[in-house]
Protein backbone atom coordinates (compact mmCIF):
# COMPACT_ATOMS: atom_id res chain seq x y z
CA MET A 1 69.96 115.30 174.73
CA PRO A 2 66.90 113.13 174.57
CA SER A 3 65.47 111.76 177.68
CA ALA A 4 64.52 107.90 177.28
CA ASN A 5 61.03 109.35 176.51
CA GLU A 6 62.50 111.27 173.76
CA SER A 7 64.38 109.17 171.37
CA THR A 8 62.19 109.59 168.54
CA LEU A 9 62.46 113.41 168.83
CA PRO A 10 65.02 115.69 167.06
CA GLU A 11 66.96 117.00 170.21
CA ASN A 12 67.24 120.85 168.65
CA ALA A 13 67.13 122.30 172.10
CA ASN A 14 69.87 121.12 173.69
CA ALA A 15 71.56 123.33 176.06
CA PHE A 16 75.36 122.78 174.95
CA SER A 17 75.38 121.79 171.38
CA ARG A 18 78.84 121.92 169.18
CA ARG A 19 78.15 125.11 167.99
CA SER A 20 77.09 126.59 171.76
CA LEU A 21 80.10 124.66 173.51
CA LEU A 22 82.44 126.43 170.97
CA ALA A 23 80.87 129.55 171.52
CA SER A 24 80.93 129.25 175.28
CA ALA A 25 84.34 128.16 175.12
CA ALA A 26 85.34 131.85 173.17
CA VAL A 27 84.05 133.26 176.09
CA LEU A 28 84.90 130.95 178.85
CA ALA A 29 87.21 133.33 180.56
CA VAL A 30 85.00 136.33 181.12
CA PRO A 31 84.72 137.60 184.49
CA ALA A 32 81.15 137.12 185.76
CA THR A 33 78.75 140.32 186.45
CA THR A 34 75.55 141.16 187.27
CA THR A 35 73.29 143.68 186.02
CA THR A 36 71.43 146.01 188.32
CA ARG A 37 68.77 147.67 186.63
CA SER A 38 65.41 146.90 188.15
CA SER A 39 64.27 147.01 191.93
CA LYS A 40 63.77 143.99 193.81
CA PRO A 41 60.68 142.38 192.87
CA ALA A 42 57.62 143.13 194.06
CA ASP A 43 55.79 141.38 196.87
CA TYR A 44 53.08 140.22 194.78
CA PHE A 45 52.41 136.44 194.20
CA PRO A 46 49.75 134.88 191.89
CA PRO A 47 46.49 133.41 192.94
CA PRO A 48 45.82 130.05 191.55
CA ASP A 49 44.76 130.30 188.26
CA SER A 50 40.92 128.78 188.93
CA ALA A 51 40.84 131.77 191.58
CA GLY A 52 41.76 134.68 188.98
CA GLY A 53 45.30 133.98 188.29
CA TRP A 54 48.00 136.73 187.03
CA ARG A 55 47.31 140.06 187.27
CA THR A 56 47.30 142.17 183.93
CA LEU A 57 47.23 145.62 182.56
CA PRO A 58 44.95 146.77 179.96
CA ASP A 59 46.55 148.57 177.26
CA ALA A 60 50.40 149.67 175.78
CA ALA A 61 50.25 152.90 178.15
CA ALA A 62 49.96 150.71 180.94
CA LEU A 63 52.28 148.21 180.13
CA ARG A 64 55.03 150.96 179.87
CA LYS A 65 53.54 152.82 182.85
CA ARG A 66 53.34 149.74 185.50
CA ALA A 67 55.68 147.14 183.65
CA GLY A 68 58.58 149.02 182.34
CA VAL A 69 57.75 147.02 178.88
CA ASP A 70 57.63 148.29 175.36
CA LYS A 71 54.52 146.33 173.86
CA THR A 72 55.79 146.91 170.28
CA ARG A 73 58.92 145.02 171.30
CA LEU A 74 57.24 142.59 173.22
CA ASP A 75 55.12 141.67 170.04
CA GLN A 76 58.49 141.69 167.69
CA ALA A 77 59.34 139.07 170.17
CA TRP A 78 56.48 136.86 170.14
CA GLU A 79 56.64 137.46 166.09
CA PHE A 80 59.93 136.16 166.01
CA THR A 81 59.34 133.29 168.39
CA ARG A 82 56.08 131.67 166.01
CA ARG A 83 58.32 131.30 163.21
CA CYS A 84 60.69 129.44 165.43
CA GLY A 85 58.81 125.78 165.73
CA GLN A 86 55.47 123.66 164.87
CA HIS A 87 53.53 124.62 167.94
CA MET A 88 54.81 127.76 169.96
CA GLY A 89 53.95 129.95 172.79
CA LEU A 90 55.58 132.96 174.92
CA VAL A 91 54.33 133.86 178.28
CA VAL A 92 55.92 137.13 179.84
CA VAL A 93 55.88 138.34 183.65
CA ARG A 94 57.44 141.46 184.61
CA ARG A 95 57.07 143.08 187.74
CA GLY A 96 54.57 140.22 188.91
CA TYR A 97 52.24 141.63 185.60
CA LEU A 98 51.46 139.22 182.95
CA VAL A 99 52.30 141.20 180.07
CA LEU A 100 52.44 139.03 177.40
CA GLU A 101 50.27 135.55 176.79
CA GLN A 102 50.40 134.29 172.93
CA TYR A 103 49.57 130.79 171.77
CA GLU A 104 49.56 128.90 168.37
CA GLY A 105 48.97 125.42 167.12
CA ARG A 106 48.35 123.05 169.81
CA ALA A 107 50.14 125.24 172.53
CA GLN A 108 47.71 126.94 175.27
CA ARG A 109 47.31 127.64 178.34
CA ASN A 110 45.78 124.55 179.71
CA VAL A 111 47.32 121.67 177.70
CA ASN A 112 49.78 119.32 179.55
CA PRO A 113 52.94 118.94 176.74
CA ASP A 114 55.73 116.72 177.30
CA MET A 115 58.06 119.61 178.68
CA ALA A 116 61.09 117.42 177.65
CA SER A 117 64.57 118.69 179.53
CA THR A 118 62.69 121.30 180.97
CA GLY A 119 61.83 119.00 183.46
CA LYS A 120 65.65 118.48 184.32
CA ALA A 121 64.86 122.32 186.25
CA PHE A 122 62.60 120.84 188.42
CA THR A 123 64.36 118.07 189.70
CA SER A 124 67.12 119.79 190.60
CA ILE A 125 65.21 122.35 192.52
CA ALA A 126 63.36 119.62 194.21
CA CYS A 127 67.13 118.26 195.05
CA GLY A 128 67.85 121.74 196.77
CA VAL A 129 64.29 121.68 199.30
CA MET A 130 65.21 117.83 199.84
CA LEU A 131 68.80 119.05 201.00
CA ASN A 132 67.68 121.65 203.03
CA GLU A 133 64.43 119.06 204.57
CA PHE A 134 66.89 116.16 205.01
CA LYS A 135 70.01 117.27 206.13
CA ASP A 136 70.53 114.91 208.74
CA LYS A 137 69.88 111.85 206.27
CA ILE A 138 72.55 113.67 203.41
CA PRO A 139 74.91 115.69 205.60
CA GLY A 140 77.52 116.34 202.98
CA GLY A 141 74.81 117.93 200.62
CA LEU A 142 75.74 118.62 197.33
CA ASP A 143 79.48 117.14 198.34
CA GLU A 144 77.87 114.00 199.27
CA LYS A 145 79.21 111.07 197.51
CA VAL A 146 76.21 109.28 196.69
CA PHE A 147 77.27 105.74 194.70
CA THR A 148 77.07 104.15 198.30
CA GLU A 149 74.64 101.40 199.45
CA LYS A 150 72.96 104.31 201.87
CA TYR A 151 71.84 106.20 198.54
CA LEU A 152 72.14 104.07 195.66
CA PRO A 153 72.22 100.17 196.28
CA GLU A 154 70.61 99.81 192.85
CA ALA A 155 74.24 100.66 191.55
CA PHE A 156 75.97 97.51 193.13
CA PRO A 157 78.09 96.00 192.14
CA LEU A 158 79.79 99.27 190.39
CA ASP A 159 80.22 98.72 186.78
CA ASP A 160 83.17 101.30 187.21
CA PRO A 161 85.42 102.37 190.16
CA ARG A 162 85.54 105.90 189.85
CA LYS A 163 81.69 105.99 190.30
CA ALA A 164 82.30 105.99 194.06
CA ASP A 165 83.92 109.48 193.86
CA ILE A 166 80.88 111.20 192.06
CA THR A 167 78.81 113.43 193.95
CA LEU A 168 75.43 115.08 193.96
CA GLY A 169 76.88 118.04 193.04
CA GLN A 170 77.88 116.81 189.61
CA LEU A 171 75.29 114.85 188.63
CA LEU A 172 73.37 117.93 188.85
CA CYS A 173 76.07 120.13 187.07
CA MET A 174 76.68 117.39 184.53
CA SER A 175 79.71 116.78 185.59
CA ALA A 176 79.62 113.67 186.88
CA GLY A 177 81.90 111.93 184.07
CA TYR A 178 78.78 110.53 182.15
CA HIS A 179 78.62 110.02 178.86
CA GLY A 180 76.61 112.78 176.60
CA GLU A 181 73.63 110.91 174.56
CA GLY A 182 73.51 111.03 170.75
CA GLY A 183 77.05 112.13 170.13
CA SER A 184 76.88 115.23 172.55
CA PRO A 185 80.14 116.71 173.12
CA GLY A 186 82.12 117.03 175.84
CA MET A 187 83.88 120.18 177.68
CA VAL A 188 87.15 120.36 179.29
CA GLN A 189 87.94 123.95 180.76
CA GLY A 190 86.24 125.32 178.07
CA LYS A 191 87.53 123.29 175.13
CA VAL A 192 85.26 120.65 173.10
CA VAL A 193 86.06 117.02 173.25
CA PRO A 194 84.27 114.82 170.65
CA LEU A 195 82.43 111.80 172.11
CA THR A 196 81.37 108.60 170.70
CA PRO A 197 77.90 107.87 170.95
CA VAL A 198 77.11 104.98 173.68
CA PRO A 199 73.56 103.59 174.95
CA GLY A 200 71.60 105.96 177.43
CA GLN A 201 68.74 105.44 179.22
CA ASP A 202 66.00 103.27 177.97
CA ILE A 203 62.73 103.68 178.85
CA ARG A 204 61.77 100.64 179.86
CA ASN A 205 64.50 100.25 182.09
CA LEU A 206 65.38 103.80 183.33
CA ASP A 207 66.89 103.38 186.61
CA GLN A 208 69.67 101.00 185.79
CA SER A 209 69.98 102.16 182.38
CA SER A 210 70.90 105.63 183.80
CA LEU A 211 72.93 103.84 186.18
CA ARG A 212 74.85 101.91 183.79
CA THR A 213 75.46 104.67 181.29
CA PRO A 214 79.22 104.49 181.04
CA LEU A 215 81.78 107.34 181.87
CA TRP A 216 83.98 109.34 179.27
CA THR A 217 85.84 111.01 182.38
CA ALA A 218 86.52 110.75 185.73
CA PRO A 219 84.07 112.69 188.24
CA GLY A 220 84.70 116.48 187.70
CA ALA A 221 87.00 116.31 184.94
CA GLY A 222 84.65 117.19 182.57
CA TYR A 223 81.28 118.54 181.56
CA SER A 224 78.88 116.84 178.86
CA TYR A 225 75.20 116.99 178.41
CA SER A 226 73.76 113.47 179.86
CA SER A 227 70.34 112.69 180.80
CA PRO A 228 71.25 109.86 183.08
CA SER A 229 72.57 112.26 185.71
CA PRO A 230 69.46 114.11 187.20
CA HIS A 231 67.49 110.87 186.90
CA ILE A 232 70.04 108.99 188.86
CA ALA A 233 69.80 112.43 191.22
CA SER A 234 66.03 111.53 191.34
CA MET A 235 66.52 108.32 192.75
CA VAL A 236 68.61 109.43 195.28
CA LEU A 237 65.78 112.14 196.34
CA ARG A 238 63.44 108.72 196.56
CA ARG A 239 65.74 107.05 198.47
CA VAL A 240 66.14 110.25 201.29
CA THR A 241 63.05 111.41 201.07
CA GLY A 242 61.05 108.11 200.71
CA ARG A 243 58.48 109.62 198.14
CA GLU A 244 58.31 109.73 194.41
CA LEU A 245 59.64 112.51 192.51
CA GLN A 246 56.49 113.47 191.33
CA ASP A 247 54.62 113.66 194.92
CA TYR A 248 57.48 115.23 196.36
CA ILE A 249 56.97 118.09 194.02
CA ASP A 250 53.19 118.08 194.37
CA GLU A 251 53.55 118.78 198.10
CA ARG A 252 56.64 120.85 198.34
CA LEU A 253 55.90 123.06 195.55
CA ALA A 254 53.03 122.68 193.66
CA LYS A 255 50.50 122.60 195.95
CA PRO A 256 51.89 125.75 197.82
CA MET A 257 51.92 127.50 194.50
CA GLY A 258 48.22 127.04 193.44
CA TRP A 259 49.64 124.74 190.50
CA GLY A 260 46.46 123.89 188.43
CA PRO A 261 46.66 119.74 186.68
CA TRP A 262 50.01 118.91 185.99
CA GLY A 263 52.13 115.43 186.27
CA TYR A 264 54.81 113.58 184.47
CA CYS A 265 54.53 111.95 181.05
CA LEU A 266 54.58 108.50 182.28
CA GLN A 267 52.59 106.26 179.54
CA ARG A 268 54.52 105.36 176.43
CA GLY A 269 52.40 103.55 174.44
CA ASP A 270 51.68 100.02 176.17
CA TYR A 271 54.24 100.81 179.27
CA ARG A 272 53.67 103.04 181.97
CA MET A 273 56.98 104.00 183.72
CA PRO A 274 57.09 103.09 187.41
CA HIS A 275 58.87 106.33 188.13
CA ALA A 276 59.16 109.61 186.64
CA ASN A 277 62.28 110.28 184.75
CA GLY A 278 64.22 112.75 186.77
CA ALA A 279 65.63 114.01 183.05
CA GLY A 280 62.66 115.59 182.11
CA SER A 281 59.20 115.30 180.59
CA ILE A 282 57.16 117.15 183.21
CA ALA A 283 53.56 118.53 181.96
CA LEU A 284 52.51 122.06 183.30
CA HIS A 285 50.01 124.26 182.54
CA SER A 286 52.04 127.29 180.80
CA THR A 287 51.13 129.60 183.72
CA ASP A 288 51.85 127.05 186.33
CA ALA A 289 55.50 126.92 184.48
CA LEU A 290 55.25 130.35 185.59
CA ARG A 291 54.62 130.20 188.82
CA PHE A 292 57.51 127.93 189.66
CA ALA A 293 60.28 130.61 187.59
CA TYR A 294 58.34 133.43 189.91
CA CYS A 295 59.09 131.67 193.13
CA LEU A 296 63.13 131.39 191.65
CA LEU A 297 62.92 134.93 190.66
CA HIS A 298 61.66 135.58 194.43
CA GLN A 299 64.38 133.77 196.05
CA GLY A 300 62.41 130.40 196.68
CA ARG A 301 59.69 132.81 198.55
CA TRP A 302 55.72 132.36 197.59
CA GLY A 303 53.87 134.29 200.01
CA ASN A 304 55.09 134.35 203.35
CA GLN A 305 56.80 130.45 202.88
CA GLN A 306 60.19 129.72 201.58
CA LEU A 307 59.49 127.01 199.51
CA ILE A 308 62.96 126.87 198.22
CA PRO A 309 66.42 127.39 200.14
CA ALA A 310 67.16 130.83 198.48
CA ASP A 311 71.41 129.66 198.76
CA TYR A 312 70.52 126.92 196.48
CA ILE A 313 68.88 128.95 194.05
CA ALA A 314 71.80 131.55 194.31
CA LYS A 315 73.82 128.90 192.64
CA CYS A 316 72.15 128.42 189.89
CA ASN A 317 73.50 130.95 187.76
CA GLN A 318 76.89 131.10 188.59
CA PHE A 319 79.88 128.51 187.86
CA LEU A 320 80.70 126.20 190.57
CA PRO A 321 83.66 124.12 191.51
CA TYR A 322 81.23 120.66 190.43
CA ASN A 323 81.38 122.44 186.92
CA SER A 324 84.41 125.14 186.10
CA HIS A 325 84.23 123.65 182.18
CA SER A 326 81.00 125.03 181.36
CA PRO A 327 78.06 127.68 182.03
CA PHE A 328 75.78 125.23 183.36
CA SER A 329 74.96 125.05 187.19
CA LEU A 330 72.42 122.51 188.85
CA GLN A 331 70.57 121.93 185.49
CA PHE A 332 70.59 125.24 184.10
CA GLU A 333 72.53 127.32 181.39
CA HIS A 334 73.58 130.42 182.75
CA ASN A 335 74.93 133.39 181.36
CA ALA A 336 77.64 134.40 184.06
CA ASP A 337 80.15 134.26 181.08
CA GLY A 338 78.24 136.33 179.05
CA HIS A 339 77.95 134.14 175.92
CA ILE A 340 74.30 135.66 175.36
CA PRO A 341 75.32 139.05 174.98
CA GLY A 342 71.57 140.67 174.58
CA ALA A 343 70.95 139.58 178.11
CA PRO A 344 72.14 140.64 181.55
CA ARG A 345 74.70 138.09 183.21
CA ASP A 346 72.44 136.65 186.15
CA ALA A 347 69.85 135.26 183.77
CA PHE A 348 70.07 131.70 183.78
CA PHE A 349 67.38 128.88 182.17
CA LYS A 350 66.42 125.50 181.27
CA SER A 351 65.39 124.29 177.66
CA GLY A 352 64.19 120.72 176.34
CA ALA A 353 63.56 119.40 173.12
CA GLY A 354 61.30 120.88 170.29
CA GLY A 355 62.00 124.41 171.62
CA PHE A 356 60.63 124.62 175.30
CA CYS A 357 62.47 127.08 177.50
CA LEU A 358 61.75 128.49 181.01
CA TYR A 359 63.57 131.80 181.73
CA VAL A 360 64.76 133.70 185.16
CA VAL A 361 66.20 136.57 184.88
CA PRO A 362 66.22 138.73 188.53
CA SER A 363 68.13 141.77 187.34
CA LEU A 364 65.20 142.88 185.05
CA ASP A 365 62.59 141.19 187.52
CA LEU A 366 61.45 139.03 184.96
CA VAL A 367 60.44 135.60 183.68
CA LEU A 368 59.54 134.13 180.62
CA TYR A 369 58.45 130.40 179.25
CA LYS A 370 59.09 129.89 175.80
CA MET A 371 56.49 126.83 174.51
CA GLY A 372 57.57 124.79 171.28
CA GLY A 373 57.42 120.97 170.57
CA SER A 374 56.42 118.38 167.42
CA THR A 375 52.56 117.49 167.72
CA GLY A 376 54.09 113.84 169.22
CA GLN A 377 54.62 116.23 172.38
CA TYR A 378 50.88 116.95 172.92
CA ASP A 379 49.92 113.43 172.74
CA PRO A 380 47.05 113.38 175.55
CA THR A 381 47.92 109.95 176.44
CA PHE A 382 51.33 110.74 178.12
CA THR A 383 49.42 111.76 181.22
CA ASP A 384 46.03 111.06 183.08
CA ILE A 385 45.24 114.35 182.63
CA PRO A 386 42.21 115.91 180.47
CA GLN A 387 43.26 118.09 177.53
CA PRO A 388 41.41 120.53 176.07
CA ALA A 389 40.10 119.89 172.55
CA PRO A 390 43.54 120.97 170.17
CA ASP A 391 44.19 123.76 167.61
CA THR A 392 45.51 121.44 164.59
CA SER A 393 46.27 124.10 161.85
CA HIS A 394 49.95 123.98 162.86
CA ASP A 395 49.89 120.11 162.60
CA ASN A 396 51.46 120.00 158.90
CA TRP A 397 53.67 122.83 159.89
CA GLN A 398 57.17 122.68 157.73
CA SER A 399 60.51 124.78 158.55
CA PRO A 400 61.08 127.46 156.41
CA PRO A 401 63.91 126.35 154.02
CA ARG A 402 67.24 127.33 153.98
CA THR A 403 68.09 130.65 152.83
CA PRO A 404 71.72 132.70 152.28
CA PHE A 405 69.36 134.76 155.06
CA PHE A 406 67.97 132.14 156.75
CA ASP A 407 69.76 128.87 158.19
CA GLY A 408 66.83 126.75 159.40
CA GLY A 409 68.03 127.05 163.27
CA LEU A 410 65.74 128.83 164.73
CA GLY A 411 63.93 126.18 166.25
CA GLY A 412 67.34 125.11 168.53
CA GLU A 413 69.36 127.05 170.77
CA ASP A 414 69.56 130.28 168.34
CA GLY A 415 65.84 130.57 168.70
CA LEU A 416 65.55 129.91 172.41
CA ARG A 417 68.17 132.51 172.88
CA ARG A 418 67.19 134.87 170.70
CA THR A 419 63.79 135.02 172.20
CA LEU A 420 65.22 135.70 175.47
CA GLU A 421 67.35 138.53 174.16
CA MET A 422 64.22 140.12 172.41
CA VAL A 423 62.63 140.01 175.36
CA CYS A 424 65.09 141.82 177.00
CA ALA A 425 65.35 143.93 174.75
CA SER A 426 61.55 145.36 175.50
CA ILE A 427 62.61 146.56 179.24
CA ILE A 428 62.64 149.89 179.39
CA ASP A 429 63.22 150.63 182.70
């Protein structure tokens, strides 16, 4: 699903393409279980990179003893990942130790690439913080119907009366009825529904184009991966908090966790977006993306601060009443149905165009971040952040040709999910 600024990028990292929808449908009825293999995450939180950053271990023996990781298998996960696309990176934290950090091409620790739809996860978590902080302003929480003059005056008059029934929870679970752009299919109780492409987000009119995207079904009656939904949720956040999405994230998450320079990709050629796109294009350093995931792993706690409500995070890796159609909750794909057989069922993650993905596996005390992207996603003009000199060695990279043993699809969901499975396979206790 491209967000508006991804319109020229192939969406090969959608959470649900037709193939994954079919795969999910095949296992949708499997009861959710949780693997409980690791102890409670250790009470450790890394200082900012400027103050030393994540703790590390010196060798394979220490990795095995202290982090419970087999280095050979972890290296194999990187060897697989680096073949998945043009610019690749993989950083892994287990038991609070940075056990793997590898990059290739323009992917580096201190770059700020367009992370595409991975940014949807940050929008969701910001909404979770908002719901806790401003309970008096949005008392219904996720059940609040938000197409009202109070929350979305820009939406009136409504172009479809059914939109009056859309709740915040449905927006965040992609079940508000909005058309999936680019021909993305819908899903109703595990069955795939083909959809005809319709106009979606327009980068030069982001708010109104999101609000006016047509519905393909009544709110709650189906799932389709559609970028207008999380952007509209970010519009509600703007109205409730009185803050821009980027400023709210900076105050409530980035500063307490000690992120380095970060932002949203607001500049697009001669046009600067007036608001961050809630549908994506956040731009963090790799080790700060891990800090965000690590906070989720710790049920929203960072040190002695509860930054994110624990009960909101608990909803991110299970089926919710807002979306019983597919394994997608509050902007995270989750594995409660077991559709990724090599990963625990409590794993949840968010991907983005180009092969980006941020993963949380609570039962293994594990977080990882897979970098990806085309050269265009590393355009330094997208943000106001100075960038390190790029490694251009992969700028002319070409995907391996299709063969009887390779279908050329590692840049998409197959690569994302296989990376998760291989990293999980490196865990030995």
